[in-house]
């Protein structure tokens, strides 16, 4: 498996509006309009060619704080990880793309992200 790069980094925030104001006004990021309709508040931001995802979760879970690696084919990436004994969730659609989650040996969550075409 070869990854073309980082797709996004997700961080947990207490207040989406306050966080958006900070990241746009202080750090110069811009708000994206293509965030899927999840069951929690948040915002997607652009920073250069990459994204920062702000997640307002009352109880962080396995879709909370993580980073996402862009992959050309999430099915191939999942098979590659499973062949090496890594437990990976099944790919699921998100927006126009697909994603799957796994954890590193220290328990850090990593998303395999296949952007939509």
PDB file of N, CA and C in Angstrom:
ATOM      1  N   UNK A   1       0.847  -1.184   0.000  1.00  0.00           N
ATOM      2  CA  UNK A   1       0.000   0.000   0.000  1.00  0.00           C
ATOM      3  C   UNK A   1       0.884   1.235   0.000  1.00  0.00           C
ATOM      4  N   UNK A   2       0.549   2.196  -0.822  1.00  0.00           N
ATOM      5  CA  UNK A   2       1.240   3.471  -0.852  1.00  0.00           C
ATOM      6  C   UNK A   2       0.220   4.559  -0.604  1.00  0.00           C
ATOM      7  N   UNK A   3       0.546   5.480   0.272  1.00  0.00           N
ATOM      8  CA  UNK A   3      -0.361   6.590   0.567  1.00  0.00           C
ATOM      9  C   UNK A   3       0.160   7.860  -0.075  1.00  0.00           C
ATOM     10  N   UNK A   4      -0.708   8.583  -0.803  1.00  0.00           N
ATOM     11  CA  UNK A   4      -0.268   9.845  -1.396  1.00  0.00           C
ATOM     12  C   UNK A   4      -0.146  10.983  -0.390  1.00  0.00           C
ATOM     13  N   UNK A   5      -0.537  10.761   0.862  1.00  0.00           N
ATOM     14  CA  UNK A   5      -0.350  11.819   1.856  1.00  0.00           C
ATOM     15  C   UNK A   5      -1.445  11.863   2.899  1.00  0.00           C
ATOM     16  N   UNK A   6      -1.310  12.835   3.801  1.00  0.00           N
ATOM     17  CA  UNK A   6      -2.309  13.071   4.838  1.00  0.00           C
ATOM     18  C   UNK A   6      -3.519  13.733   4.189  1.00  0.00           C
ATOM     19  N   UNK A   7      -4.700  13.247   4.495  1.00  0.00           N
ATOM     20  CA  UNK A   7      -5.923  13.876   4.001  1.00  0.00           C
ATOM     21  C   UNK A   7      -6.419  14.913   4.999  1.00  0.00           C
ATOM     22  N   UNK A   8      -6.563  14.502   6.278  1.00  0.00           N
ATOM     23  CA  UNK A   8      -7.006  15.456   7.293  1.00  0.00           C
ATOM     24  C   UNK A   8      -6.587  15.018   8.687  1.00  0.00           C
ATOM     25  N   UNK A   9      -6.642  15.960   9.600  1.00  0.00           N
ATOM     26  CA  UNK A   9      -6.442  15.709  11.022  1.00  0.00           C
ATOM     27  C   UNK A   9      -7.724  16.136  11.715  1.00  0.00           C
ATOM     28  N   UNK A  10      -8.250  15.300  12.600  1.00  0.00           N
ATOM     29  CA  UNK A  10      -9.470  15.627  13.344  1.00  0.00           C
ATOM     30  C   UNK A  10      -9.115  15.907  14.791  1.00  0.00           C
ATOM     31  N   UNK A  11      -9.703  16.978  15.324  1.00  0.00           N
ATOM     32  CA  UNK A  11      -9.480  17.312  16.726  1.00  0.00           C
ATOM     33  C   UNK A  11     -10.817  17.582  17.397  1.00  0.00           C
ATOM     34  N   UNK A  12     -10.898  17.233  18.661  1.00  0.00           N
ATOM     35  CA  UNK A  12     -12.114  17.456  19.434  1.00  0.00           C
ATOM     36  C   UNK A  12     -12.143  18.883  19.953  1.00  0.00           C
ATOM     37  N   UNK A  13     -13.316  19.508  19.891  1.00  0.00           N
ATOM     38  CA  UNK A  13     -13.498  20.878  20.379  1.00  0.00           C
ATOM     39  C   UNK A  13     -14.725  20.914  21.287  1.00  0.00           C
ATOM     40  N   UNK A  14     -14.749  21.901  22.191  1.00  0.00           N
ATOM     41  CA  UNK A  14     -15.888  22.054  23.104  1.00  0.00           C
ATOM     42  C   UNK A  14     -17.017  22.858  22.473  1.00  0.00           C
ATOM     43  N   UNK A  15     -16.669  23.795  21.578  1.00  0.00           N
ATOM     44  CA  UNK A  15     -17.651  24.698  20.981  1.00  0.00           C
ATOM     45  C   UNK A  15     -17.243  24.944  19.534  1.00  0.00           C
ATOM     46  N   UNK A  16     -18.036  24.431  18.587  1.00  0.00           N
ATOM     47  CA  UNK A  16     -17.678  24.535  17.175  1.00  0.00           C
ATOM     48  C   UNK A  16     -17.539  25.981  16.727  1.00  0.00           C
ATOM     49  N   UNK A  17     -18.512  26.829  17.058  1.00  0.00           N
ATOM     50  CA  UNK A  17     -18.473  28.226  16.608  1.00  0.00           C
ATOM     51  C   UNK A  17     -17.228  28.938  17.126  1.00  0.00           C
ATOM     52  N   UNK A  18     -16.908  28.729  18.384  1.00  0.00           N
ATOM     53  CA  UNK A  18     -15.718  29.351  18.976  1.00  0.00           C
ATOM     54  C   UNK A  18     -14.445  28.839  18.293  1.00  0.00           C
ATOM     55  N   UNK A  19     -14.401  27.531  18.036  1.00  0.00           N
ATOM     56  CA  UNK A  19     -13.233  26.946  17.386  1.00  0.00           C
ATOM     57  C   UNK A  19     -13.087  27.448  15.956  1.00  0.00           C
ATOM     58  N   UNK A  20     -14.203  27.529  15.213  1.00  0.00           N
ATOM     59  CA  UNK A  20     -14.147  28.037  13.842  1.00  0.00           C
ATOM     60  C   UNK A  20     -13.618  29.465  13.834  1.00  0.00           C
ATOM     61  N   UNK A  21     -14.103  30.286  14.742  1.00  0.00           N
ATOM     62  CA  UNK A  21     -13.624  31.670  14.814  1.00  0.00           C
ATOM     63  C   UNK A  21     -12.115  31.705  15.050  1.00  0.00           C
ATOM     64  N   UNK A  22     -11.623  30.875  15.960  1.00  0.00           N
ATOM     65  CA  UNK A  22     -10.188  30.841  16.247  1.00  0.00           C
ATOM     66  C   UNK A  22      -9.395  30.391  15.023  1.00  0.00           C
ATOM     67  N   UNK A  23      -9.778  29.258  14.437  1.00  0.00           N
ATOM     68  CA  UNK A  23      -9.001  28.699  13.335  1.00  0.00           C
ATOM     69  C   UNK A  23      -9.068  29.551  12.067  1.00  0.00           C
ATOM     70  N   UNK A  24     -10.170  30.273  11.870  1.00  0.00           N
ATOM     71  CA  UNK A  24     -10.249  31.139  10.691  1.00  0.00           C
ATOM     72  C   UNK A  24      -9.613  32.497  10.949  1.00  0.00           C
ATOM     73  N   UNK A  25      -9.955  33.128  12.075  1.00  0.00           N
ATOM     74  CA  UNK A  25      -9.449  34.474  12.351  1.00  0.00           C
ATOM     75  C   UNK A  25      -7.985  34.486  12.765  1.00  0.00           C
ATOM     76  N   UNK A  26      -7.587  33.552  13.602  1.00  0.00           N
ATOM     77  CA  UNK A  26      -6.216  33.554  14.121  1.00  0.00           C
ATOM     78  C   UNK A  26      -5.254  32.827  13.184  1.00  0.00           C
ATOM     79  N   UNK A  27      -5.681  31.691  12.632  1.00  0.00           N
ATOM     80  CA  UNK A  27      -4.777  30.870  11.833  1.00  0.00           C
ATOM     81  C   UNK A  27      -5.025  30.947  10.330  1.00  0.00           C
ATOM     82  N   UNK A  28      -6.050  31.672   9.903  1.00  0.00           N
ATOM     83  CA  UNK A  28      -6.270  31.904   8.481  1.00  0.00           C
ATOM     84  C   UNK A  28      -6.831  30.741   7.693  1.00  0.00           C
ATOM     85  N   UNK A  29      -7.396  29.745   8.367  1.00  0.00           N
ATOM     86  CA  UNK A  29      -8.016  28.629   7.649  1.00  0.00           C
ATOM     87  C   UNK A  29      -9.359  29.072   7.090  1.00  0.00           C
ATOM     88  N   UNK A  30      -9.882  28.320   6.133  1.00  0.00           N
ATOM     89  CA  UNK A  30     -11.184  28.640   5.552  1.00  0.00           C
ATOM     90  C   UNK A  30     -12.143  27.474   5.771  1.00  0.00           C
ATOM     91  N   UNK A  31     -13.422  27.802   5.938  1.00  0.00           N
ATOM     92  CA  UNK A  31     -14.450  26.791   6.196  1.00  0.00           C
ATOM     93  C   UNK A  31     -14.863  26.133   4.890  1.00  0.00           C
ATOM     94  N   UNK A  32     -14.933  24.816   4.897  1.00  0.00           N
ATOM     95  CA  UNK A  32     -15.431  24.050   3.750  1.00  0.00           C
ATOM     96  C   UNK A  32     -16.956  23.941   3.859  1.00  0.00           C
ATOM     97  N   UNK A  33     -17.616  23.771   2.735  1.00  0.00           N
ATOM     98  CA  UNK A  33     -19.077  23.648   2.735  1.00  0.00           C
ATOM     99  C   UNK A  33     -19.543  22.223   2.437  1.00  0.00           C
ATOM    100  N   UNK A  34     -18.606  21.284   2.328  1.00  0.00           N
ATOM    101  CA  UNK A  34     -18.972  19.920   1.921  1.00  0.00           C
ATOM    102  C   UNK A  34     -18.942  18.914   3.069  1.00  0.00           C
ATOM    103  N   UNK A  35     -19.110  19.380   4.309  1.00  0.00           N
ATOM    104  CA  UNK A  35     -19.117  18.459   5.453  1.00  0.00           C
ATOM    105  C   UNK A  35     -20.387  17.610   5.407  1.00  0.00           C
ATOM    106  N   UNK A  36     -20.237  16.275   5.489  1.00  0.00           N
ATOM    107  CA  UNK A  36     -21.429  15.426   5.532  1.00  0.00           C
ATOM    108  C   UNK A  36     -22.277  15.733   6.766  1.00  0.00           C
ATOM    109  N   UNK A  37     -23.535  15.352   6.724  1.00  0.00           N
ATOM    110  CA  UNK A  37     -24.457  15.603   7.827  1.00  0.00           C
ATOM    111  C   UNK A  37     -24.329  14.488   8.863  1.00  0.00           C
ATOM    112  N   UNK A  38     -23.403  14.677   9.816  1.00  0.00           N
ATOM    113  CA  UNK A  38     -23.216  13.710  10.889  1.00  0.00           C
ATOM    114  C   UNK A  38     -24.167  14.031  12.029  1.00  0.00           C
ATOM    115  N   UNK A  39     -24.239  13.141  13.023  1.00  0.00           N
ATOM    116  CA  UNK A  39     -25.132  13.359  14.161  1.00  0.00           C
ATOM    117  C   UNK A  39     -24.437  14.112  15.297  1.00  0.00           C
ATOM    118  N   UNK A  40     -23.429  14.892  14.973  1.00  0.00           N
ATOM    119  CA  UNK A  40     -22.748  15.734  15.953  1.00  0.00           C
ATOM    120  C   UNK A  40     -22.287  17.011  15.254  1.00  0.00           C
ATOM    121  N   UNK A  41     -22.101  18.057  16.031  1.00  0.00           N
ATOM    122  CA  UNK A  41     -21.660  19.339  15.476  1.00  0.00           C
ATOM    123  C   UNK A  41     -20.186  19.267  15.103  1.00  0.00           C
ATOM    124  N   UNK A  42     -19.797  20.125  14.200  1.00  0.00           N
ATOM    125  CA  UNK A  42     -18.401  20.185  13.787  1.00  0.00           C
ATOM    126  C   UNK A  42     -18.256  21.038  12.550  1.00  0.00           C
ATOM    127  N   UNK A  43     -17.044  21.133  12.058  1.00  0.00           N
ATOM    128  CA  UNK A  43     -16.760  21.907  10.849  1.00  0.00           C
ATOM    129  C   UNK A  43     -15.521  21.337  10.183  1.00  0.00           C
ATOM    130  N   UNK A  44     -15.481  21.424   8.859  1.00  0.00           N
ATOM    131  CA  UNK A  44     -14.312  21.037   8.081  1.00  0.00           C
ATOM    132  C   UNK A  44     -13.647  22.329   7.624  1.00  0.00           C
ATOM    133  N   UNK A  45     -12.324  22.397   7.771  1.00  0.00           N
ATOM    134  CA  UNK A  45     -11.561  23.584   7.397  1.00  0.00           C
ATOM    135  C   UNK A  45     -10.463  23.208   6.414  1.00  0.00           C
ATOM    136  N   UNK A  46     -10.121  24.142   5.540  1.00  0.00           N
ATOM    137  CA  UNK A  46      -8.980  23.966   4.643  1.00  0.00           C
ATOM    138  C   UNK A  46      -7.779  24.690   5.209  1.00  0.00           C
ATOM    139  N   UNK A  47      -6.632  24.032   5.133  1.00  0.00           N
ATOM    140  CA  UNK A  47      -5.348  24.651   5.459  1.00  0.00           C
ATOM    141  C   UNK A  47      -4.382  24.170   4.378  1.00  0.00           C
ATOM    142  N   UNK A  48      -4.084  25.042   3.432  1.00  0.00           N
ATOM    143  CA  UNK A  48      -3.285  24.631   2.280  1.00  0.00           C
ATOM    144  C   UNK A  48      -4.033  23.566   1.502  1.00  0.00           C
ATOM    145  N   UNK A  49      -3.333  22.494   1.163  1.00  0.00           N
ATOM    146  CA  UNK A  49      -3.938  21.385   0.419  1.00  0.00           C
ATOM    147  C   UNK A  49      -4.526  20.315   1.333  1.00  0.00           C
ATOM    148  N   UNK A  50      -4.606  20.613   2.627  1.00  0.00           N
ATOM    149  CA  UNK A  50      -5.062  19.623   3.596  1.00  0.00           C
ATOM    150  C   UNK A  50      -6.270  20.149   4.357  1.00  0.00           C
ATOM    151  N   UNK A  51      -6.811  19.306   5.229  1.00  0.00           N
ATOM    152  CA  UNK A  51      -7.997  19.685   5.987  1.00  0.00           C
ATOM    153  C   UNK A  51      -7.785  19.462   7.480  1.00  0.00           C
ATOM    154  N   UNK A  52      -8.474  20.266   8.279  1.00  0.00           N
ATOM    155  CA  UNK A  52      -8.607  20.056   9.714  1.00  0.00           C
ATOM    156  C   UNK A  52     -10.095  19.877   9.968  1.00  0.00           C
ATOM    157  N   UNK A  53     -10.463  18.800  10.643  1.00  0.00           N
ATOM    158  CA  UNK A  53     -11.861  18.534  10.976  1.00  0.00           C
ATOM    159  C   UNK A  53     -12.052  18.799  12.460  1.00  0.00           C
ATOM    160  N   UNK A  54     -12.968  19.696  12.784  1.00  0.00           N
ATOM    161  CA  UNK A  54     -13.300  20.014  14.170  1.00  0.00           C
ATOM    162  C   UNK A  54     -14.515  19.179  14.556  1.00  0.00           C
ATOM    163  N   UNK A  55     -14.409  18.412  15.638  1.00  0.00           N
ATOM    164  CA  UNK A  55     -15.479  17.514  16.069  1.00  0.00           C
ATOM    165  C   UNK A  55     -15.954  17.920  17.450  1.00  0.00           C
ATOM    166  N   UNK A  56     -17.230  18.270  17.550  1.00  0.00           N
ATOM    167  CA  UNK A  56     -17.809  18.609  18.851  1.00  0.00           C
ATOM    168  C   UNK A  56     -18.554  17.386  19.368  1.00  0.00           C
ATOM    169  N   UNK A  57     -17.838  16.569  20.106  1.00  0.00           N
ATOM    170  CA  UNK A  57     -18.389  15.321  20.632  1.00  0.00           C
ATOM    171  C   UNK A  57     -18.456  15.407  22.147  1.00  0.00           C
ATOM    172  N   UNK A  58     -19.595  15.038  22.717  1.00  0.00           N
ATOM    173  CA  UNK A  58     -19.709  15.082  24.173  1.00  0.00           C
ATOM    174  C   UNK A  58     -18.901  13.962  24.814  1.00  0.00           C
ATOM    175  N   UNK A  59     -18.856  12.812  24.178  1.00  0.00           N
ATOM    176  CA  UNK A  59     -18.040  11.700  24.652  1.00  0.00           C
ATOM    177  C   UNK A  59     -17.228  11.205  23.462  1.00  0.00           C
ATOM    178  N   UNK A  60     -15.927  11.508  23.426  1.00  0.00           N
ATOM    179  CA  UNK A  60     -15.130  11.043  22.281  1.00  0.00           C
ATOM    180  C   UNK A  60     -15.220   9.527  22.143  1.00  0.00           C
ATOM    181  N   UNK A  61     -15.323   9.090  20.914  1.00  0.00           N
ATOM    182  CA  UNK A  61     -15.332   7.658  20.643  1.00  0.00           C
ATOM    183  C   UNK A  61     -14.384   7.384  19.491  1.00  0.00           C
ATOM    184  N   UNK A  62     -14.542   6.266  18.830  1.00  0.00           N
ATOM    185  CA  UNK A  62     -13.570   5.880  17.819  1.00  0.00           C
ATOM    186  C   UNK A  62     -13.603   6.729  16.554  1.00  0.00           C
ATOM    187  N   UNK A  63     -14.516   7.672  16.438  1.00  0.00           N
ATOM    188  CA  UNK A  63     -14.468   8.595  15.303  1.00  0.00           C
ATOM    189  C   UNK A  63     -14.091   9.987  15.783  1.00  0.00           C
ATOM    190  N   UNK A  64     -13.534  10.065  16.956  1.00  0.00           N
ATOM    191  CA  UNK A  64     -13.080  11.344  17.492  1.00  0.00           C
ATOM    192  C   UNK A  64     -11.700  11.679  16.974  1.00  0.00           C
ATOM    193  N   UNK A  65     -10.830  12.024  17.887  1.00  0.00           N
ATOM    194  CA  UNK A  65      -9.502  12.488  17.522  1.00  0.00           C
ATOM    195  C   UNK A  65      -8.752  11.417  16.735  1.00  0.00           C
ATOM    196  N   UNK A  66      -8.266  11.780  15.564  1.00  0.00           N
ATOM    197  CA  UNK A  66      -7.552  10.855  14.691  1.00  0.00           C
ATOM    198  C   UNK A  66      -6.878  11.637  13.580  1.00  0.00           C
ATOM    199  N   UNK A  67      -6.081  10.950  12.794  1.00  0.00           N
ATOM    200  CA  UNK A  67      -5.628  11.543  11.540  1.00  0.00           C
ATOM    201  C   UNK A  67      -5.977  10.591  10.422  1.00  0.00           C
ATOM    202  N   UNK A  68      -6.121  11.143   9.226  1.00  0.00           N
ATOM    203  CA  UNK A  68      -6.565  10.350   8.080  1.00  0.00           C
ATOM    204  C   UNK A  68      -5.488  10.325   7.009  1.00  0.00           C
ATOM    205  N   UNK A  69      -5.208   9.135   6.527  1.00  0.00           N
ATOM    206  CA  UNK A  69      -4.268   8.956   5.431  1.00  0.00           C
ATOM    207  C   UNK A  69      -5.084   8.782   4.157  1.00  0.00           C
ATOM    208  N   UNK A  70      -4.763   9.565   3.146  1.00  0.00           N
ATOM    209  CA  UNK A  70      -5.431   9.418   1.853  1.00  0.00           C
ATOM    210  C   UNK A  70      -4.958   8.121   1.204  1.00  0.00           C
ATOM    211  N   UNK A  71      -5.897   7.368   0.660  1.00  0.00           N
ATOM    212  CA  UNK A  71      -5.569   6.142  -0.070  1.00  0.00           C
ATOM    213  C   UNK A  71      -6.313   6.169  -1.399  1.00  0.00           C
ATOM    214  N   UNK A  72      -5.711   5.530  -2.399  1.00  0.00           N
ATOM    215  CA  UNK A  72      -6.354   5.470  -3.710  1.00  0.00           C
ATOM    216  C   UNK A  72      -7.542   4.518  -3.712  1.00  0.00           C
ATOM    217  N   UNK A  73      -7.435   3.426  -2.949  1.00  0.00           N
ATOM    218  CA  UNK A  73      -8.483   2.404  -2.916  1.00  0.00           C
ATOM    219  C   UNK A  73      -8.584   1.874  -1.489  1.00  0.00           C
ATOM    220  N   UNK A  74      -9.638   2.235  -0.786  1.00  0.00           N
ATOM    221  CA  UNK A  74      -9.769   1.847   0.621  1.00  0.00           C
ATOM    222  C   UNK A  74      -9.882   0.331   0.779  1.00  0.00           C
ATOM    223  N   UNK A  75     -10.470  -0.364  -0.181  1.00  0.00           N
ATOM    224  CA  UNK A  75     -10.578  -1.822  -0.079  1.00  0.00           C
ATOM    225  C   UNK A  75      -9.199  -2.479  -0.115  1.00  0.00           C
ATOM    226  N   UNK A  76      -8.326  -1.996  -0.986  1.00  0.00           N
ATOM    227  CA  UNK A  76      -6.958  -2.517  -1.076  1.00  0.00           C
ATOM    228  C   UNK A  76      -6.199  -2.215   0.215  1.00  0.00           C
ATOM    229  N   UNK A  77      -6.366  -0.999   0.743  1.00  0.00           N
ATOM    230  CA  UNK A  77      -5.675  -0.608   1.975  1.00  0.00           C
ATOM    231  C   UNK A  77      -6.141  -1.449   3.160  1.00  0.00           C
ATOM    232  N   UNK A  78      -7.441  -1.706   3.248  1.00  0.00           N
ATOM    233  CA  UNK A  78      -7.983  -2.537   4.327  1.00  0.00           C
ATOM    234  C   UNK A  78      -7.434  -3.962   4.210  1.00  0.00           C
ATOM    235  N   UNK A  79      -7.442  -4.518   3.010  1.00  0.00           N
ATOM    236  CA  UNK A  79      -6.922  -5.877   2.806  1.00  0.00           C
ATOM    237  C   UNK A  79      -5.445  -5.948   3.188  1.00  0.00           C
ATOM    238  N   UNK A  80      -4.683  -4.937   2.816  1.00  0.00           N
ATOM    239  CA  UNK A  80      -3.252  -4.875   3.131  1.00  0.00           C
ATOM    240  C   UNK A  80      -3.038  -4.914   4.645  1.00  0.00           C
ATOM    241  N   UNK A  81      -3.795  -4.112   5.384  1.00  0.00           N
ATOM    242  CA  UNK A  81      -3.656  -4.075   6.845  1.00  0.00           C
ATOM    243  C   UNK A  81      -4.085  -5.403   7.465  1.00  0.00           C
ATOM    244  N   UNK A  82      -5.183  -5.960   6.989  1.00  0.00           N
ATOM    245  CA  UNK A  82      -5.681  -7.224   7.547  1.00  0.00           C
ATOM    246  C   UNK A  82      -4.706  -8.372   7.292  1.00  0.00           C
ATOM    247  N   UNK A  83      -4.045  -8.364   6.134  1.00  0.00           N
ATOM    248  CA  UNK A  83      -3.043  -9.391   5.838  1.00  0.00           C
ATOM    249  C   UNK A  83      -1.901  -9.358   6.846  1.00  0.00           C
ATOM    250  N   UNK A  84      -1.707  -8.219   7.490  1.00  0.00           N
ATOM    251  CA  UNK A  84      -0.639  -8.049   8.472  1.00  0.00           C
ATOM    252  C   UNK A  84      -1.154  -8.172   9.904  1.00  0.00           C
ATOM    253  N   UNK A  85      -2.371  -8.692  10.047  1.00  0.00           N
ATOM    254  CA  UNK A  85      -2.915  -8.968  11.364  1.00  0.00           C
ATOM    255  C   UNK A  85      -3.547  -7.788  12.077  1.00  0.00           C
ATOM    256  N   UNK A  86      -3.768  -6.694  11.368  1.00  0.00           N
ATOM    257  CA  UNK A  86      -4.365  -5.503  11.976  1.00  0.00           C
ATOM    258  C   UNK A  86      -5.881  -5.588  11.857  1.00  0.00           C
ATOM    259  N   UNK A  87      -6.584  -5.304  12.945  1.00  0.00           N
ATOM    260  CA  UNK A  87      -8.043  -5.248  12.904  1.00  0.00           C
ATOM    261  C   UNK A  87      -8.458  -3.909  12.307  1.00  0.00           C
ATOM    262  N   UNK A  88      -9.284  -3.964  11.281  1.00  0.00           N
ATOM    263  CA  UNK A  88      -9.749  -2.765  10.581  1.00  0.00           C
ATOM    264  C   UNK A  88     -11.255  -2.866  10.416  1.00  0.00           C
ATOM    265  N   UNK A  89     -11.955  -1.768  10.664  1.00  0.00           N
ATOM    266  CA  UNK A  89     -13.387  -1.738  10.402  1.00  0.00           C
ATOM    267  C   UNK A  89     -13.654  -1.829   8.913  1.00  0.00           C
ATOM    268  N   UNK A  90     -14.829  -2.307   8.560  1.00  0.00           N
ATOM    269  CA  UNK A  90     -15.200  -2.370   7.150  1.00  0.00           C
ATOM    270  C   UNK A  90     -15.330  -0.964   6.581  1.00  0.00           C
ATOM    271  N   UNK A  91     -14.982  -0.778   5.306  1.00  0.00           N
ATOM    272  CA  UNK A  91     -15.143   0.535   4.675  1.00  0.00           C
ATOM    273  C   UNK A  91     -16.610   0.964   4.663  1.00  0.00           C
ATOM    274  N   UNK A  92     -16.828   2.245   4.907  1.00  0.00           N
ATOM    275  CA  UNK A  92     -18.172   2.820   4.872  1.00  0.00           C
ATOM    276  C   UNK A  92     -18.148   4.098   4.052  1.00  0.00           C
ATOM    277  N   UNK A  93     -19.275   4.430   3.414  1.00  0.00           N
ATOM    278  CA  UNK A  93     -19.335   5.678   2.658  1.00  0.00           C
ATOM    279  C   UNK A  93     -19.391   6.879   3.591  1.00  0.00           C
ATOM    280  N   UNK A  94     -18.764   7.957   3.181  1.00  0.00           N
ATOM    281  CA  UNK A  94     -18.851   9.239   3.887  1.00  0.00           C
ATOM    282  C   UNK A  94     -18.771  10.323   2.819  1.00  0.00           C
ATOM    283  N   UNK A  95     -19.799  11.150   2.750  1.00  0.00           N
ATOM    284  CA  UNK A  95     -19.839  12.136   1.669  1.00  0.00           C
ATOM    285  C   UNK A  95     -19.766  11.409   0.341  1.00  0.00           C
ATOM    286  N   UNK A  96     -18.858  11.837  -0.526  1.00  0.00           N
ATOM    287  CA  UNK A  96     -18.689  11.169  -1.813  1.00  0.00           C
ATOM    288  C   UNK A  96     -17.543  10.164  -1.779  1.00  0.00           C
ATOM    289  N   UNK A  97     -16.912   9.989  -0.618  1.00  0.00           N
ATOM    290  CA  UNK A  97     -15.786   9.073  -0.496  1.00  0.00           C
ATOM    291  C   UNK A  97     -16.122   7.872   0.368  1.00  0.00           C
ATOM    292  N   UNK A  98     -15.074   7.173   0.815  1.00  0.00           N
ATOM    293  CA  UNK A  98     -15.233   6.011   1.682  1.00  0.00           C
ATOM    294  C   UNK A  98     -14.129   6.034   2.726  1.00  0.00           C
ATOM    295  N   UNK A  99     -14.399   5.427   3.881  1.00  0.00           N
ATOM    296  CA  UNK A  99     -13.419   5.431   4.959  1.00  0.00           C
ATOM    297  C   UNK A  99     -13.459   4.123   5.732  1.00  0.00           C
ATOM    298  N   UNK A 100     -12.342   3.828   6.388  1.00  0.00           N
ATOM    299  CA  UNK A 100     -12.251   2.701   7.315  1.00  0.00           C
ATOM    300  C   UNK A 100     -11.295   3.123   8.423  1.00  0.00           C
ATOM    301  N   UNK A 101     -11.507   2.582   9.621  1.00  0.00           N
ATOM    302  CA  UNK A 101     -10.694   2.968  10.770  1.00  0.00           C
ATOM    303  C   UNK A 101      -9.925   1.775  11.324  1.00  0.00           C
ATOM    304  N   UNK A 102      -8.719   2.060  11.806  1.00  0.00           N
ATOM    305  CA  UNK A 102      -7.885   1.081  12.486  1.00  0.00           C
ATOM    306  C   UNK A 102      -7.147   1.795  13.609  1.00  0.00           C
ATOM    307  N   UNK A 103      -6.467   1.024  14.441  1.00  0.00           N
ATOM    308  CA  UNK A 103      -5.673   1.623  15.515  1.00  0.00           C
ATOM    309  C   UNK A 103      -4.239   1.138  15.419  1.00  0.00           C
ATOM    310  N   UNK A 104      -3.316   2.045  15.764  1.00  0.00           N
ATOM    311  CA  UNK A 104      -1.915   1.651  15.823  1.00  0.00           C
ATOM    312  C   UNK A 104      -1.675   0.870  17.118  1.00  0.00           C
ATOM    313  N   UNK A 105      -0.476   0.312  17.323  1.00  0.00           N
ATOM    314  CA  UNK A 105      -0.230  -0.486  18.527  1.00  0.00           C
ATOM    315  C   UNK A 105      -0.412   0.277  19.838  1.00  0.00           C
ATOM    316  N   UNK A 106      -0.359   1.616  19.798  1.00  0.00           N
ATOM    317  CA  UNK A 106      -0.560   2.424  21.006  1.00  0.00           C
ATOM    318  C   UNK A 106      -2.007   2.841  21.198  1.00  0.00           C
ATOM    319  N   UNK A 107      -2.897   2.425  20.281  1.00  0.00           N
ATOM    320  CA  UNK A 107      -4.311   2.758  20.404  1.00  0.00           C
ATOM    321  C   UNK A 107      -4.721   4.039  19.713  1.00  0.00           C
ATOM    322  N   UNK A 108      -3.817   4.668  18.961  1.00  0.00           N
ATOM    323  CA  UNK A 108      -4.173   5.876  18.211  1.00  0.00           C
ATOM    324  C   UNK A 108      -5.009   5.496  16.999  1.00  0.00           C
ATOM    325  N   UNK A 109      -6.098   6.206  16.783  1.00  0.00           N
ATOM    326  CA  UNK A 109      -6.999   5.903  15.679  1.00  0.00           C
ATOM    327  C   UNK A 109      -6.495   6.539  14.393  1.00  0.00           C
ATOM    328  N   UNK A 110      -6.508   5.749  13.327  1.00  0.00           N
ATOM    329  CA  UNK A 110      -6.092   6.198  12.001  1.00  0.00           C
ATOM    330  C   UNK A 110      -7.225   5.884  11.037  1.00  0.00           C
ATOM    331  N   UNK A 111      -7.563   6.862  10.217  1.00  0.00           N
ATOM    332  CA  UNK A 111      -8.582   6.670   9.182  1.00  0.00           C
ATOM    333  C   UNK A 111      -7.900   6.446   7.846  1.00  0.00           C
ATOM    334  N   UNK A 112      -8.347   5.438   7.127  1.00  0.00           N
ATOM    335  CA  UNK A 112      -7.955   5.243   5.734  1.00  0.00           C
ATOM    336  C   UNK A 112      -9.043   5.920   4.913  1.00  0.00           C
ATOM    337  N   UNK A 113      -8.691   6.980   4.205  1.00  0.00           N
ATOM    338  CA  UNK A 113      -9.688   7.827   3.549  1.00  0.00           C
ATOM    339  C   UNK A 113      -9.511   7.803   2.037  1.00  0.00           C
ATOM    340  N   UNK A 114     -10.533   7.311   1.355  1.00  0.00           N
ATOM    341  CA  UNK A 114     -10.567   7.339  -0.106  1.00  0.00           C
ATOM    342  C   UNK A 114     -11.455   8.500  -0.507  1.00  0.00           C
ATOM    343  N   UNK A 115     -10.856   9.607  -0.989  1.00  0.00           N
ATOM    344  CA  UNK A 115     -11.672  10.765  -1.374  1.00  0.00           C
ATOM    345  C   UNK A 115     -12.645  10.410  -2.497  1.00  0.00           C
ATOM    346  N   UNK A 116     -13.752  11.121  -2.547  1.00  0.00           N
ATOM    347  CA  UNK A 116     -14.715  10.932  -3.628  1.00  0.00           C
ATOM    348  C   UNK A 116     -14.133  11.384  -4.946  1.00  0.00           C
ATOM    349  N   UNK A 117     -14.685  10.890  -5.992  1.00  0.00           N
ATOM    350  CA  UNK A 117     -14.172  11.230  -7.333  1.00  0.00           C
ATOM    351  C   UNK A 117     -15.052  12.251  -7.987  1.00  0.00           C
TER     352      UNK A 117
END
